[in-house]
């Protein structure tokens, strides 16, 4: 596992400390949880931007929702 040093604003550090104290979990636990969730969201947003750019430039196509639902047996 890699160690990472990060500077936190005092207010955020205090909130993290309080959360850790109240729950009995480590500050590292909550930092890892927050990073995992945030990185997942950032990766999704980045991929969406790339796909949108590809569609706009004509490098990729799109399929409307009704077609996808019908193909997967989800249509009404």
Protein backbone atom coordinates (compact mmCIF):
# COMPACT_ATOMS: atom_id res chain seq x y z
CA UNK A 1 0.00 0.00 0.00
CA UNK A 2 1.27 3.48 -0.84
CA UNK A 3 1.34 6.29 1.71
CA UNK A 4 0.06 9.72 0.72
CA UNK A 5 0.43 12.98 2.59
CA UNK A 6 -2.26 15.59 2.09
CA UNK A 7 -2.92 18.99 3.67
CA UNK A 8 -6.49 19.50 4.83
CA UNK A 9 -8.15 22.75 5.75
CA UNK A 10 -8.52 22.92 9.54
CA UNK A 11 -12.33 22.73 9.43
CA UNK A 12 -12.29 19.61 7.23
CA UNK A 13 -9.62 17.98 9.38
CA UNK A 14 -11.73 18.65 12.48
CA UNK A 15 -14.81 17.11 10.84
CA UNK A 16 -12.81 14.05 9.82
CA UNK A 17 -11.39 13.70 13.32
CA UNK A 18 -14.85 14.00 14.88
CA UNK A 19 -16.33 11.41 12.51
CA UNK A 20 -13.52 8.99 13.26
CA UNK A 21 -13.91 9.51 17.00
CA UNK A 22 -17.69 9.07 16.92
CA UNK A 23 -17.59 5.87 14.90
CA UNK A 24 -14.42 4.22 16.15
CA UNK A 25 -13.02 4.01 12.64
CA UNK A 26 -9.74 5.51 11.51
CA UNK A 27 -9.39 8.75 9.60
CA UNK A 28 -7.64 6.72 6.90
CA UNK A 29 -10.73 4.56 6.52
CA UNK A 30 -12.90 7.58 5.76
CA UNK A 31 -10.34 9.18 3.47
CA UNK A 32 -10.14 5.93 1.46
CA UNK A 33 -13.95 5.67 1.33
CA UNK A 34 -14.24 9.26 0.09
CA UNK A 35 -11.50 8.81 -2.49
CA UNK A 36 -12.96 5.59 -3.85
CA UNK A 37 -16.38 7.14 -4.29
CA UNK A 38 -15.05 10.36 -5.76
CA UNK A 39 -12.64 8.68 -8.14
CA UNK A 40 -15.44 6.43 -9.42
CA UNK A 41 -17.54 9.54 -10.13
CA UNK A 42 -14.64 11.37 -11.78
CA UNK A 43 -13.81 8.38 -13.97
CA UNK A 44 -17.47 8.14 -15.06
CA UNK A 45 -17.62 11.87 -15.83
CA UNK A 46 -14.36 11.74 -17.79
CA UNK A 47 -15.54 8.75 -19.82
CA UNK A 48 -18.85 10.51 -20.54
CA UNK A 49 -16.99 13.59 -21.79
CA UNK A 50 -14.85 11.47 -24.10
CA UNK A 51 -17.90 9.60 -25.45
CA UNK A 52 -19.80 12.85 -26.02
CA UNK A 53 -16.82 14.33 -27.84
CA UNK A 54 -16.57 11.20 -30.02
CA UNK A 55 -20.29 11.36 -30.87
CA UNK A 56 -20.10 15.07 -31.72
CA UNK A 57 -17.10 14.49 -33.99
CA UNK A 58 -18.81 11.58 -35.72
CA UNK A 59 -16.36 8.97 -34.41
CA UNK A 60 -19.07 7.11 -32.53
CA UNK A 61 -22.81 6.69 -32.74
CA UNK A 62 -25.58 6.63 -30.22
CA UNK A 63 -28.65 4.51 -29.61
CA UNK A 64 -31.89 5.93 -28.26
CA UNK A 65 -33.24 4.67 -24.95
CA UNK A 66 -36.35 3.05 -26.48
CA UNK A 67 -34.16 0.86 -28.71
CA UNK A 68 -31.96 -0.23 -25.81
CA UNK A 69 -35.00 -1.03 -23.66
CA UNK A 70 -36.62 -3.02 -26.47
CA UNK A 71 -33.42 -4.98 -27.15
CA UNK A 72 -33.22 -5.97 -23.48
CA UNK A 73 -36.89 -6.78 -23.03
CA UNK A 74 -37.59 -3.72 -20.91
CA UNK A 75 -40.04 -1.97 -23.24
CA UNK A 76 -43.65 -1.52 -22.10
